[in-house]
Amino acid sequence: MAAVQVIAKAQGSGLLLEQLFNVPVSYDYQPDHVRVYYQPDHLKQVQARIATMAAGGPGDVRIDWFPMVTPIMLKQAAPYAIGLLAAGFLIGKMLR
């Protein structure tokens, strides 16, 4: 079973998700990690809740995610984007 700290983090994350979406989560305890997930019937409820939240417009609490997520996305997507640009360039040169 995973370490006590890992279990505590997973259960804390699960509690936050349950409070946010009002849908119970499930836990899968493995030797090196804990997976927090929704059962398929609960997942549909969460997806509906997210769609409702997205369509509802801005709320009274607004989190600026862009500065937090952008550097990570760039690090993960940049190599693929550069590769695609290089491949497109080479294909364009070959077709001339």
Protein backbone atom coordinates (compact mmCIF):
# COMPACT_ATOMS: atom_id res chain seq x y z
CA MET A 1 0.00 0.00 0.00
CA ALA A 2 1.11 3.57 -0.64
CA ALA A 3 2.78 5.65 2.04
CA VAL A 4 0.62 7.37 4.64
CA GLN A 5 1.50 10.82 3.24
CA VAL A 6 0.40 9.75 -0.25
CA ILE A 7 -2.87 8.36 1.09
CA ALA A 8 -3.50 11.58 3.04
CA LYS A 9 -2.85 13.73 -0.07
CA ALA A 10 -5.13 11.53 -2.17
CA GLN A 11 -7.93 11.65 0.38
CA GLY A 12 -7.54 15.41 0.75
CA SER A 13 -7.71 15.83 -3.03
CA GLY A 14 -10.71 13.52 -3.16
CA LEU A 15 -12.47 15.53 -0.45
CA LEU A 16 -11.89 18.75 -2.40
CA LEU A 17 -13.24 17.16 -5.58
CA GLU A 18 -16.29 15.87 -3.73
CA GLN A 19 -16.97 19.35 -2.33
CA LEU A 20 -16.45 21.01 -5.69
CA PHE A 21 -18.66 18.71 -7.77
CA ASN A 22 -20.89 17.21 -5.07
CA VAL A 23 -20.15 13.72 -6.46
CA PRO A 24 -18.31 11.00 -4.50
CA VAL A 25 -14.88 9.87 -5.70
CA SER A 26 -13.29 6.41 -5.61
CA TYR A 27 -9.78 5.45 -4.59
CA ASP A 28 -7.48 2.79 -6.00
CA TYR A 29 -4.65 2.07 -3.55
CA GLN A 30 -1.47 0.76 -5.20
CA PRO A 31 1.95 0.09 -3.64
CA ASP A 32 3.50 3.28 -5.02
CA HIS A 33 0.52 5.59 -5.62
CA VAL A 34 -3.17 6.22 -5.02
CA ARG A 35 -5.47 6.87 -7.96
CA VAL A 36 -8.40 9.19 -7.31
CA TYR A 37 -11.12 8.65 -9.90
CA TYR A 38 -14.84 8.68 -10.59
CA GLN A 39 -16.85 5.55 -11.31
CA PRO A 40 -18.39 5.67 -14.82
CA ASP A 41 -21.87 6.61 -13.57
CA HIS A 42 -20.42 9.33 -11.34
CA LEU A 43 -18.16 10.55 -14.14
CA LYS A 44 -21.20 11.49 -16.22
CA GLN A 45 -22.48 13.58 -13.30
CA VAL A 46 -19.13 15.36 -12.99
CA GLN A 47 -19.00 16.05 -16.74
CA ALA A 48 -22.52 17.49 -16.60
CA ARG A 49 -21.55 19.63 -13.60
CA ILE A 50 -18.44 20.95 -15.40
CA ALA A 51 -20.50 21.76 -18.50
CA THR A 52 -22.99 23.65 -16.33
CA MET A 53 -20.19 25.54 -14.60
CA ALA A 54 -18.56 26.44 -17.94
CA ALA A 55 -21.84 27.67 -19.42
CA GLY A 56 -22.73 29.70 -16.35
CA GLY A 57 -20.26 32.48 -16.99
CA PRO A 58 -17.75 33.91 -14.55
CA GLY A 59 -18.42 33.41 -10.87
CA ASP A 60 -17.55 35.48 -7.83
CA VAL A 61 -14.18 33.69 -7.40
CA ARG A 62 -11.93 33.85 -10.44
CA ILE A 63 -8.59 32.06 -10.58
CA ASP A 64 -5.98 33.24 -13.06
CA TRP A 65 -4.81 29.84 -14.38
CA PHE A 66 -2.97 31.12 -17.44
CA PRO A 67 0.31 32.18 -15.73
CA MET A 68 0.40 28.90 -13.80
CA VAL A 69 -0.29 26.56 -16.70
CA THR A 70 1.44 28.28 -19.64
CA PRO A 71 5.08 27.47 -18.71
CA ILE A 72 4.22 23.81 -18.20
CA MET A 73 2.28 23.60 -21.44
CA LEU A 74 5.12 25.27 -23.35
CA LYS A 75 7.70 22.86 -21.95
CA GLN A 76 5.59 19.86 -22.90
CA ALA A 77 4.24 21.11 -26.24
CA ALA A 78 7.27 23.02 -27.57
CA PRO A 79 9.26 19.96 -28.73
CA TYR A 80 6.27 18.63 -30.67
CA ALA A 81 5.50 22.03 -32.17
CA ILE A 82 9.13 22.50 -33.24
CA GLY A 83 9.16 19.00 -34.72
CA LEU A 84 5.97 19.67 -36.68
CA LEU A 85 7.34 22.96 -37.97
CA ALA A 86 10.58 21.30 -39.03
CA ALA A 87 8.71 18.44 -40.72
CA GLY A 88 6.46 20.92 -42.53
CA PHE A 89 9.47 22.92 -43.64
CA LEU A 90 11.22 19.82 -44.97
CA ILE A 91 8.11 18.55 -46.72
CA GLY A 92 7.63 21.98 -48.29
CA LYS A 93 11.24 21.96 -49.55
CA MET A 94 10.84 18.45 -50.97
CA LEU A 95 7.65 19.31 -52.85
CA ARG A 96 9.14 22.30 -54.67
